[in-house]
Amino acid sequence: MKLFPVLAVFLIPIVMQVQDLPENLLNKKEDEEILFSFNKIDSISESYDTNFSANSAKDYNRLKLLEEKEKLIASLLQKYKDFKMISLNIFILLITSVLCLLYYFKTQLLYKKRFEELIIKSNNCAATSNKPHNAYKNKIPEEVIKDVLCQLDIFETEKGFLSHDVSLQELAKSFKTNPRYLSGVVNLEKKKNFSNYINDLRVEFAFKKLAESNLFRKYSIKAIAHDIGFKTDASFSKAFFKKYGIFPSLYIKNLEKE
C-alpha cells in the first residue's frame, strides 16, 4: 500500500488553506507599526491643553486622532477574529482528513483480509466439491431428481450459465422437465433459488478465471460482466460482492499485487 500518495491527497488541501491566509494576518511588521501609531496618538493627545474649547483647532485635531485610534483598534480586532476563524477551519479540515485517512486504511485492510480468506477458502474447496446428494422429502419423483441433477452437472461442466439467454423456463425445456421440478431441485440441492444459482456460477467462474488468467484481469469490469453472462457491470459487481464480500475491482487489484 502506497502511503505517501494517499497522505498527499488529504494533506494538500490543508497546505493550500494555510497558503491562502491573508498576508496581513501574519504580517508582524504591520502590527508593530499599528502599535507605534497607538503610542504616537496617545503622546500627541496628551500634549494638547485640555482647557481649549471644543471648537478649538487643537481639540479638533485631538478628536481626529482619537477617531483614528478607534479605527486602528477595530482593525486589529477584526484581524484577530479572521485569524481565529481561519485557524478553526484549518483545524476542522485537519481532523476530517485524519479521520478519512484512518477510514481508508481500515477499509483497505478489511478487503485485504477478505481477499486472503477467499484464496485460502478457494484452495480448500476442491477437496470437498463432491458431496452426496441429499435425501428429498418432497413430491418430485426420485427419477426426475436424479435426471435433473445429472443434467445440471453437464450444464455446469459445459458452462451453459455463461449464456445471456439462460432462464428457468428455457433450461427446464432443454432438460425436458417442467420449471417447477427444476426450481425445486435447485432449491433443495443447491440451497438457493434459480437466479442466485446462476449468478453464483458466473461469479465463481470469474473468481477462478481472474486468479488464473493475467489477460482476463486486463479486461474492464464491464467487459468481464458481459463475458460471463451479466447484462450490466453493476449487477456483476453486486453479485460478486454478495458472494465474496469484496468488489471485483478490488479483487483484481489484490491479485495484481500478489
C-alpha atoms as a PDB file:
ATOM      1  CA  MET A   1       0.000   0.000   0.000  1.00  0.00           C
ATOM      2  CA  LYS A   2       1.470   3.309  -1.032  1.00  0.00           C
ATOM      3  CA  LEU A   3       1.213   5.663   1.929  1.00  0.00           C
ATOM      4  CA  PHE A   4       2.680   8.907   0.625  1.00  0.00           C
ATOM      5  CA  PRO A   5       0.337   9.415  -2.362  1.00  0.00           C
ATOM      6  CA  VAL A   6      -2.654   8.857  -0.100  1.00  0.00           C
ATOM      7  CA  LEU A   7      -1.316  11.277   2.501  1.00  0.00           C
ATOM      8  CA  ALA A   8      -0.777  13.842  -0.223  1.00  0.00           C
ATOM      9  CA  VAL A   9      -4.414  13.608  -1.316  1.00  0.00           C
ATOM     10  CA  PHE A  10      -5.605  14.504   2.171  1.00  0.00           C
ATOM     11  CA  LEU A  11      -2.913  16.962   3.261  1.00  0.00           C
ATOM     12  CA  ILE A  12      -2.526  19.091   0.127  1.00  0.00           C
ATOM     13  CA  PRO A  13      -5.857  20.894   0.782  1.00  0.00           C
ATOM     14  CA  ILE A  14      -4.593  21.772   4.272  1.00  0.00           C
ATOM     15  CA  VAL A  15      -1.348  23.191   2.900  1.00  0.00           C
ATOM     16  CA  MET A  16      -3.287  25.207   0.340  1.00  0.00           C
ATOM     17  CA  GLN A  17      -5.535  26.539   3.096  1.00  0.00           C
ATOM     18  CA  VAL A  18      -2.531  27.736   5.074  1.00  0.00           C
ATOM     19  CA  GLN A  19      -1.056  29.350   1.969  1.00  0.00           C
ATOM     20  CA  ASP A  20      -4.318  31.215   1.423  1.00  0.00           C
ATOM     21  CA  LEU A  21      -4.128  33.004   4.796  1.00  0.00           C
ATOM     22  CA  PRO A  22      -4.270  36.766   4.241  1.00  0.00           C
ATOM     23  CA  GLU A  23      -0.827  38.238   4.429  1.00  0.00           C
ATOM     24  CA  ASN A  24      -1.938  40.966   6.824  1.00  0.00           C
ATOM     25  CA  LEU A  25      -2.873  38.300   9.399  1.00  0.00           C
ATOM     26  CA  LEU A  26       0.725  37.123   9.515  1.00  0.00           C
ATOM     27  CA  ASN A  27       2.419  40.496   8.994  1.00  0.00           C
ATOM     28  CA  LYS A  28       4.265  41.163  12.244  1.00  0.00           C
ATOM     29  CA  LYS A  29       5.872  44.353  10.899  1.00  0.00           C
ATOM     30  CA  GLU A  30       2.469  45.883  10.136  1.00  0.00           C
ATOM     31  CA  ASP A  31       1.224  45.088  13.662  1.00  0.00           C
ATOM     32  CA  GLU A  32       4.292  46.768  15.108  1.00  0.00           C
ATOM     33  CA  GLU A  33       3.547  49.881  13.011  1.00  0.00           C
ATOM     34  CA  ILE A  34      -0.032  49.940  14.353  1.00  0.00           C
ATOM     35  CA  LEU A  35       1.230  49.744  17.948  1.00  0.00           C
ATOM     36  CA  PHE A  36       3.684  52.536  17.179  1.00  0.00           C
ATOM     37  CA  SER A  37       0.754  54.617  15.854  1.00  0.00           C
ATOM     38  CA  PHE A  38      -1.135  53.976  19.125  1.00  0.00           C
ATOM     39  CA  ASN A  39       1.752  55.326  21.175  1.00  0.00           C
ATOM     40  CA  LYS A  40       2.170  58.292  18.869  1.00  0.00           C
ATOM     41  CA  ILE A  41      -1.535  59.181  19.046  1.00  0.00           C
ATOM     42  CA  ASP A  42      -1.545  58.902  22.846  1.00  0.00           C
ATOM     43  CA  SER A  43       1.579  61.045  23.062  1.00  0.00           C
ATOM     44  CA  ILE A  44       0.158  63.773  20.827  1.00  0.00           C
ATOM     45  CA  SER A  45      -3.206  63.641  22.553  1.00  0.00           C
ATOM     46  CA  GLU A  46      -1.677  64.188  25.991  1.00  0.00           C
ATOM     47  CA  SER A  47       0.341  67.140  24.738  1.00  0.00           C
ATOM     48  CA  TYR A  48      -2.801  69.091  23.982  1.00  0.00           C
ATOM     49  CA  ASP A  49      -4.075  71.581  26.570  1.00  0.00           C
ATOM     50  CA  THR A  50      -7.427  70.286  27.844  1.00  0.00           C
ATOM     51  CA  ASN A  51      -8.601  73.860  28.588  1.00  0.00           C
ATOM     52  CA  PHE A  52      -9.184  74.643  24.953  1.00  0.00           C
ATOM     53  CA  SER A  53     -12.818  74.862  23.848  1.00  0.00           C
ATOM     54  CA  ALA A  54     -14.441  72.144  21.751  1.00  0.00           C
ATOM     55  CA  ASN A  55     -14.220  74.418  18.725  1.00  0.00           C
ATOM     56  CA  SER A  56     -10.513  74.998  19.015  1.00  0.00           C
ATOM     57  CA  ALA A  57      -8.189  73.643  16.348  1.00  0.00           C
ATOM     58  CA  LYS A  58      -6.214  71.541  18.824  1.00  0.00           C
ATOM     59  CA  ASP A  59      -9.319  69.902  20.252  1.00  0.00           C
ATOM     60  CA  TYR A  60     -10.479  69.192  16.723  1.00  0.00           C
ATOM     61  CA  ASN A  61      -7.155  67.548  15.895  1.00  0.00           C
ATOM     62  CA  ARG A  62      -7.288  65.593  19.140  1.00  0.00           C
ATOM     63  CA  LEU A  63     -10.727  64.227  18.266  1.00  0.00           C
ATOM     64  CA  LYS A  64      -9.478  63.233  14.824  1.00  0.00           C
ATOM     65  CA  LEU A  65      -6.534  61.408  16.404  1.00  0.00           C
ATOM     66  CA  LEU A  66      -8.808  59.557  18.852  1.00  0.00           C
ATOM     67  CA  GLU A  67     -11.075  58.594  15.966  1.00  0.00           C
ATOM     68  CA  GLU A  68      -8.072  57.234  14.074  1.00  0.00           C
ATOM     69  CA  LYS A  69      -7.063  55.259  17.169  1.00  0.00           C
ATOM     70  CA  GLU A  70     -10.537  53.681  17.360  1.00  0.00           C
ATOM     71  CA  LYS A  71     -10.257  52.651  13.713  1.00  0.00           C
ATOM     72  CA  LEU A  72      -6.869  51.023  14.376  1.00  0.00           C
ATOM     73  CA  ILE A  73      -8.291  49.129  17.359  1.00  0.00           C
ATOM     74  CA  ALA A  74     -11.240  47.914  15.255  1.00  0.00           C
ATOM     75  CA  SER A  75      -8.828  46.824  12.526  1.00  0.00           C
ATOM     76  CA  LEU A  76      -6.796  44.758  14.986  1.00  0.00           C
ATOM     77  CA  LEU A  77      -9.912  43.174  16.464  1.00  0.00           C
ATOM     78  CA  GLN A  78     -11.160  42.214  13.009  1.00  0.00           C
ATOM     79  CA  LYS A  79      -7.794  40.711  12.148  1.00  0.00           C
ATOM     80  CA  TYR A  80      -7.923  38.679  15.341  1.00  0.00           C
ATOM     81  CA  LYS A  81     -11.442  37.392  14.558  1.00  0.00           C
ATOM     82  CA  ASP A  82     -10.460  36.491  10.997  1.00  0.00           C
ATOM     83  CA  PHE A  83      -7.395  34.639  12.202  1.00  0.00           C
ATOM     84  CA  LYS A  84      -9.425  32.663  14.745  1.00  0.00           C
ATOM     85  CA  MET A  85     -11.977  31.682  12.100  1.00  0.00           C
ATOM     86  CA  ILE A  86      -9.340  30.538   9.604  1.00  0.00           C
ATOM     87  CA  SER A  87      -7.463  28.632  12.321  1.00  0.00           C
ATOM     88  CA  LEU A  88     -10.693  26.867  13.284  1.00  0.00           C
ATOM     89  CA  ASN A  89     -11.370  25.905   9.653  1.00  0.00           C
ATOM     90  CA  ILE A  90      -7.852  24.524   9.282  1.00  0.00           C
ATOM     91  CA  PHE A  91      -8.231  22.513  12.494  1.00  0.00           C
ATOM     92  CA  ILE A  92     -11.562  21.053  11.336  1.00  0.00           C
ATOM     93  CA  LEU A  93     -10.071  20.216   7.926  1.00  0.00           C
ATOM     94  CA  LEU A  94      -7.101  18.520   9.578  1.00  0.00           C
ATOM     95  CA  ILE A  95      -9.300  16.375  11.857  1.00  0.00           C
ATOM     96  CA  THR A  96     -11.578  15.450   8.948  1.00  0.00           C
ATOM     97  CA  SER A  97      -8.592  14.473   6.796  1.00  0.00           C
ATOM     98  CA  VAL A  98      -7.122  12.287   9.524  1.00  0.00           C
ATOM     99  CA  LEU A  99     -10.460  10.529  10.084  1.00  0.00           C
ATOM    100  CA  CYS A 100     -10.880   9.938   6.339  1.00  0.00           C
ATOM    101  CA  LEU A 101      -7.349   8.590   6.161  1.00  0.00           C
ATOM    102  CA  LEU A 102      -7.966   6.182   9.034  1.00  0.00           C
ATOM    103  CA  TYR A 103     -11.203   5.005   7.424  1.00  0.00           C
ATOM    104  CA  TYR A 104      -9.435   4.461   4.104  1.00  0.00           C
ATOM    105  CA  PHE A 105      -6.701   2.297   5.619  1.00  0.00           C
ATOM    106  CA  LYS A 106      -9.194   0.375   7.749  1.00  0.00           C
ATOM    107  CA  THR A 107     -11.245  -0.405   4.633  1.00  0.00           C
ATOM    108  CA  GLN A 108      -8.174  -1.477   2.692  1.00  0.00           C
ATOM    109  CA  LEU A 109      -7.058  -3.793   5.495  1.00  0.00           C
ATOM    110  CA  LEU A 110     -10.543  -5.297   5.679  1.00  0.00           C
ATOM    111  CA  TYR A 111     -10.617  -6.014   1.933  1.00  0.00           C
ATOM    112  CA  LYS A 112      -7.097  -7.432   2.066  1.00  0.00           C
ATOM    113  CA  LYS A 113      -8.124  -9.773   4.877  1.00  0.00           C
ATOM    114  CA  ARG A 114     -11.180 -10.875   2.904  1.00  0.00           C
ATOM    115  CA  PHE A 115      -9.030 -11.464  -0.151  1.00  0.00           C
ATOM    116  CA  GLU A 116      -6.613 -13.678   1.788  1.00  0.00           C
ATOM    117  CA  GLU A 117      -9.514 -15.625   3.299  1.00  0.00           C
ATOM    118  CA  LEU A 118     -11.003 -16.125  -0.169  1.00  0.00           C
ATOM    119  CA  ILE A 119      -7.735 -17.505  -1.517  1.00  0.00           C
ATOM    120  CA  ILE A 120      -7.462 -19.985   1.367  1.00  0.00           C
ATOM    121  CA  LYS A 121     -11.121 -20.963   1.014  1.00  0.00           C
ATOM    122  CA  SER A 122     -10.853 -21.486  -2.741  1.00  0.00           C
ATOM    123  CA  ASN A 123      -7.862 -23.779  -2.245  1.00  0.00           C
ATOM    124  CA  ASN A 124      -9.794 -25.891   0.240  1.00  0.00           C
ATOM    125  CA  CYS A 125     -12.967 -26.136  -1.851  1.00  0.00           C
ATOM    126  CA  ALA A 126     -11.526 -28.585  -4.366  1.00  0.00           C
ATOM    127  CA  ALA A 127     -11.272 -31.359  -1.774  1.00  0.00           C
ATOM    128  CA  THR A 128     -14.920 -31.003  -0.683  1.00  0.00           C
ATOM    129  CA  SER A 129     -16.641 -30.320  -4.008  1.00  0.00           C
ATOM    130  CA  ASN A 130     -18.119 -33.809  -4.462  1.00  0.00           C
ATOM    131  CA  LYS A 131     -20.839 -34.192  -1.859  1.00  0.00           C
ATOM    132  CA  PRO A 132     -23.512 -36.910  -1.764  1.00  0.00           C
ATOM    133  CA  HIS A 133     -26.984 -35.856  -2.806  1.00  0.00           C
ATOM    134  CA  ASN A 134     -29.446 -35.052  -0.082  1.00  0.00           C
ATOM    135  CA  ALA A 135     -32.471 -37.229   0.529  1.00  0.00           C
ATOM    136  CA  TYR A 136     -35.543 -35.330  -0.582  1.00  0.00           C
ATOM    137  CA  LYS A 137     -38.849 -35.401   1.180  1.00  0.00           C
ATOM    138  CA  ASN A 138     -40.984 -33.774  -1.447  1.00  0.00           C
ATOM    139  CA  LYS A 139     -43.318 -34.582  -4.274  1.00  0.00           C
ATOM    140  CA  ILE A 140     -40.671 -34.629  -7.004  1.00  0.00           C
ATOM    141  CA  PRO A 141     -40.203 -38.202  -8.312  1.00  0.00           C
ATOM    142  CA  GLU A 142     -36.814 -39.700  -7.464  1.00  0.00           C
ATOM    143  CA  GLU A 143     -36.034 -40.473 -11.096  1.00  0.00           C
ATOM    144  CA  VAL A 144     -36.738 -36.828 -12.004  1.00  0.00           C
ATOM    145  CA  ILE A 145     -34.406 -35.590  -9.260  1.00  0.00           C
ATOM    146  CA  LYS A 146     -31.606 -37.844 -10.489  1.00  0.00           C
ATOM    147  CA  ASP A 147     -32.131 -36.824 -14.086  1.00  0.00           C
ATOM    148  CA  VAL A 148     -32.206 -33.065 -13.296  1.00  0.00           C
ATOM    149  CA  LEU A 149     -29.097 -33.309 -11.128  1.00  0.00           C
ATOM    150  CA  CYS A 150     -27.273 -35.186 -13.882  1.00  0.00           C
ATOM    151  CA  GLN A 151     -28.208 -32.531 -16.431  1.00  0.00           C
ATOM    152  CA  LEU A 152     -27.242 -29.740 -14.037  1.00  0.00           C
ATOM    153  CA  ASP A 153     -23.800 -31.322 -13.723  1.00  0.00           C
ATOM    154  CA  ILE A 154     -23.480 -31.295 -17.512  1.00  0.00           C
ATOM    155  CA  PHE A 155     -24.811 -27.729 -17.633  1.00  0.00           C
ATOM    156  CA  GLU A 156     -22.164 -26.604 -15.140  1.00  0.00           C
ATOM    157  CA  THR A 157     -19.353 -28.562 -16.807  1.00  0.00           C
ATOM    158  CA  GLU A 158     -20.172 -27.095 -20.215  1.00  0.00           C
ATOM    159  CA  LYS A 159     -20.531 -23.631 -18.652  1.00  0.00           C
ATOM    160  CA  GLY A 160     -24.014 -23.102 -20.022  1.00  0.00           C
ATOM    161  CA  PHE A 161     -24.548 -20.465 -17.339  1.00  0.00           C
ATOM    162  CA  LEU A 162     -22.326 -18.053 -19.303  1.00  0.00           C
ATOM    163  CA  SER A 163     -25.069 -17.581 -21.881  1.00  0.00           C
ATOM    164  CA  HIS A 164     -27.106 -14.380 -21.716  1.00  0.00           C
ATOM    165  CA  ASP A 165     -30.259 -16.343 -22.584  1.00  0.00           C
ATOM    166  CA  VAL A 166     -30.349 -18.625 -19.520  1.00  0.00           C
ATOM    167  CA  SER A 167     -33.761 -18.715 -17.852  1.00  0.00           C
ATOM    168  CA  LEU A 168     -35.686 -21.165 -15.696  1.00  0.00           C
ATOM    169  CA  GLN A 169     -38.204 -21.835 -18.460  1.00  0.00           C
ATOM    170  CA  GLU A 170     -35.632 -22.314 -21.226  1.00  0.00           C
ATOM    171  CA  LEU A 171     -33.387 -24.545 -19.125  1.00  0.00           C
ATOM    172  CA  ALA A 172     -36.306 -26.678 -17.971  1.00  0.00           C
ATOM    173  CA  LYS A 173     -37.359 -27.040 -21.594  1.00  0.00           C
ATOM    174  CA  SER A 174     -33.862 -28.184 -22.609  1.00  0.00           C
ATOM    175  CA  PHE A 175     -33.875 -30.664 -19.690  1.00  0.00           C
ATOM    176  CA  LYS A 176     -37.260 -31.978 -20.861  1.00  0.00           C
ATOM    177  CA  THR A 177     -38.818 -31.281 -17.490  1.00  0.00           C
ATOM    178  CA  ASN A 178     -41.038 -28.543 -16.071  1.00  0.00           C
ATOM    179  CA  PRO A 179     -39.869 -25.312 -14.376  1.00  0.00           C
ATOM    180  CA  ARG A 180     -41.391 -26.338 -11.020  1.00  0.00           C
ATOM    181  CA  TYR A 181     -39.325 -29.518 -10.847  1.00  0.00           C
ATOM    182  CA  LEU A 182     -36.159 -27.738 -11.924  1.00  0.00           C
ATOM    183  CA  SER A 183     -36.696 -24.915  -9.420  1.00  0.00           C
ATOM    184  CA  GLY A 184     -37.444 -27.445  -6.667  1.00  0.00           C
ATOM    185  CA  VAL A 185     -34.270 -29.457  -7.284  1.00  0.00           C
ATOM    186  CA  VAL A 186     -32.146 -26.298  -7.350  1.00  0.00           C
ATOM    187  CA  ASN A 187     -33.717 -25.060  -4.111  1.00  0.00           C
ATOM    188  CA  LEU A 188     -33.174 -28.355  -2.313  1.00  0.00           C
ATOM    189  CA  GLU A 189     -29.802 -29.371  -3.714  1.00  0.00           C
ATOM    190  CA  LYS A 190     -28.124 -26.008  -4.209  1.00  0.00           C
ATOM    191  CA  LYS A 191     -29.813 -24.307  -1.239  1.00  0.00           C
ATOM    192  CA  LYS A 192     -30.674 -21.228  -3.294  1.00  0.00           C
ATOM    193  CA  ASN A 193     -33.192 -20.003  -5.836  1.00  0.00           C
ATOM    194  CA  PHE A 194     -32.569 -20.359  -9.563  1.00  0.00           C
ATOM    195  CA  SER A 195     -31.474 -16.735 -10.095  1.00  0.00           C
ATOM    196  CA  ASN A 196     -28.895 -16.881  -7.293  1.00  0.00           C
ATOM    197  CA  TYR A 197     -27.753 -20.278  -8.535  1.00  0.00           C
ATOM    198  CA  ILE A 198     -26.942 -18.890 -11.997  1.00  0.00           C
ATOM    199  CA  ASN A 199     -25.329 -15.719 -10.617  1.00  0.00           C
ATOM    200  CA  ASP A 200     -23.162 -17.719  -8.200  1.00  0.00           C
ATOM    201  CA  LEU A 201     -21.961 -19.990 -11.004  1.00  0.00           C
ATOM    202  CA  ARG A 202     -20.990 -16.935 -13.024  1.00  0.00           C
ATOM    203  CA  VAL A 203     -19.103 -15.146 -10.255  1.00  0.00           C
ATOM    204  CA  GLU A 204     -17.385 -18.391  -9.214  1.00  0.00           C
ATOM    205  CA  PHE A 205     -16.214 -18.783 -12.796  1.00  0.00           C
ATOM    206  CA  ALA A 206     -14.991 -15.168 -12.846  1.00  0.00           C
ATOM    207  CA  PHE A 207     -13.291 -15.614  -9.464  1.00  0.00           C
ATOM    208  CA  LYS A 208     -11.250 -18.576 -10.684  1.00  0.00           C
ATOM    209  CA  LYS A 209     -10.518 -17.233 -14.141  1.00  0.00           C
ATOM    210  CA  LEU A 210      -9.317 -13.895 -12.771  1.00  0.00           C
ATOM    211  CA  ALA A 211      -6.941 -15.753 -10.457  1.00  0.00           C
ATOM    212  CA  GLU A 212      -5.608 -17.902 -13.311  1.00  0.00           C
ATOM    213  CA  SER A 213      -5.572 -15.555 -16.298  1.00  0.00           C
ATOM    214  CA  ASN A 214      -3.482 -12.404 -16.372  1.00  0.00           C
ATOM    215  CA  LEU A 215      -5.114 -11.469 -19.685  1.00  0.00           C
ATOM    216  CA  PHE A 216      -8.631 -11.736 -18.212  1.00  0.00           C
ATOM    217  CA  ARG A 217      -7.595  -9.336 -15.443  1.00  0.00           C
ATOM    218  CA  LYS A 218      -6.789  -6.725 -18.090  1.00  0.00           C
ATOM    219  CA  TYR A 219     -10.445  -6.558 -19.149  1.00  0.00           C
ATOM    220  CA  SER A 220     -12.693  -3.811 -17.842  1.00  0.00           C
ATOM    221  CA  ILE A 221     -15.344  -4.760 -15.277  1.00  0.00           C
ATOM    222  CA  LYS A 222     -17.993  -4.118 -17.921  1.00  0.00           C
ATOM    223  CA  ALA A 223     -16.265  -6.469 -20.396  1.00  0.00           C
ATOM    224  CA  ILE A 224     -15.872  -9.191 -17.758  1.00  0.00           C
ATOM    225  CA  ALA A 225     -19.537  -8.884 -16.772  1.00  0.00           C
ATOM    226  CA  HIS A 226     -20.669  -9.235 -20.383  1.00  0.00           C
ATOM    227  CA  ASP A 227     -18.291 -12.131 -20.991  1.00  0.00           C
ATOM    228  CA  ILE A 228     -19.752 -14.219 -18.160  1.00  0.00           C
ATOM    229  CA  GLY A 229     -23.423 -13.560 -18.902  1.00  0.00           C
ATOM    230  CA  PHE A 230     -24.353 -10.484 -16.871  1.00  0.00           C
ATOM    231  CA  LYS A 231     -26.277  -7.723 -18.588  1.00  0.00           C
ATOM    232  CA  THR A 232     -24.595  -4.904 -16.653  1.00  0.00           C
ATOM    233  CA  ASP A 233     -21.352  -4.385 -14.755  1.00  0.00           C
ATOM    234  CA  ALA A 234     -23.381  -3.185 -11.748  1.00  0.00           C
ATOM    235  CA  SER A 235     -25.268  -6.478 -11.460  1.00  0.00           C
ATOM    236  CA  PHE A 236     -21.975  -8.377 -11.750  1.00  0.00           C
ATOM    237  CA  SER A 237     -20.279  -6.306  -9.039  1.00  0.00           C
ATOM    238  CA  LYS A 238     -23.288  -6.681  -6.768  1.00  0.00           C
ATOM    239  CA  ALA A 239     -23.412 -10.478  -7.201  1.00  0.00           C
ATOM    240  CA  PHE A 240     -19.630 -10.777  -6.732  1.00  0.00           C
ATOM    241  CA  PHE A 241     -19.707  -8.717  -3.527  1.00  0.00           C
ATOM    242  CA  LYS A 242     -22.705 -10.667  -2.222  1.00  0.00           C
ATOM    243  CA  LYS A 243     -20.818 -13.956  -2.528  1.00  0.00           C
ATOM    244  CA  TYR A 244     -17.264 -12.924  -1.656  1.00  0.00           C
ATOM    245  CA  GLY A 245     -17.621  -9.721   0.378  1.00  0.00           C
ATOM    246  CA  ILE A 246     -15.270  -7.810  -1.934  1.00  0.00           C
ATOM    247  CA  PHE A 247     -15.838  -5.958  -5.193  1.00  0.00           C
ATOM    248  CA  PRO A 248     -14.269  -7.457  -8.343  1.00  0.00           C
ATOM    249  CA  SER A 249     -12.193  -4.341  -8.971  1.00  0.00           C
ATOM    250  CA  LEU A 250     -10.507  -4.674  -5.565  1.00  0.00           C
ATOM    251  CA  TYR A 251     -10.129  -8.420  -6.035  1.00  0.00           C
ATOM    252  CA  ILE A 252      -8.290  -7.786  -9.312  1.00  0.00           C
ATOM    253  CA  LYS A 253      -6.144  -5.108  -7.665  1.00  0.00           C
ATOM    254  CA  ASN A 254      -5.065  -7.536  -4.930  1.00  0.00           C
ATOM    255  CA  LEU A 255      -4.364 -10.271  -7.474  1.00  0.00           C
ATOM    256  CA  GLU A 256      -2.086  -7.905  -9.354  1.00  0.00           C
ATOM    257  CA  LYS A 257      -0.184  -7.170  -6.150  1.00  0.00           C
ATOM    258  CA  GLU A 258       0.207 -10.868  -5.443  1.00  0.00           C
END
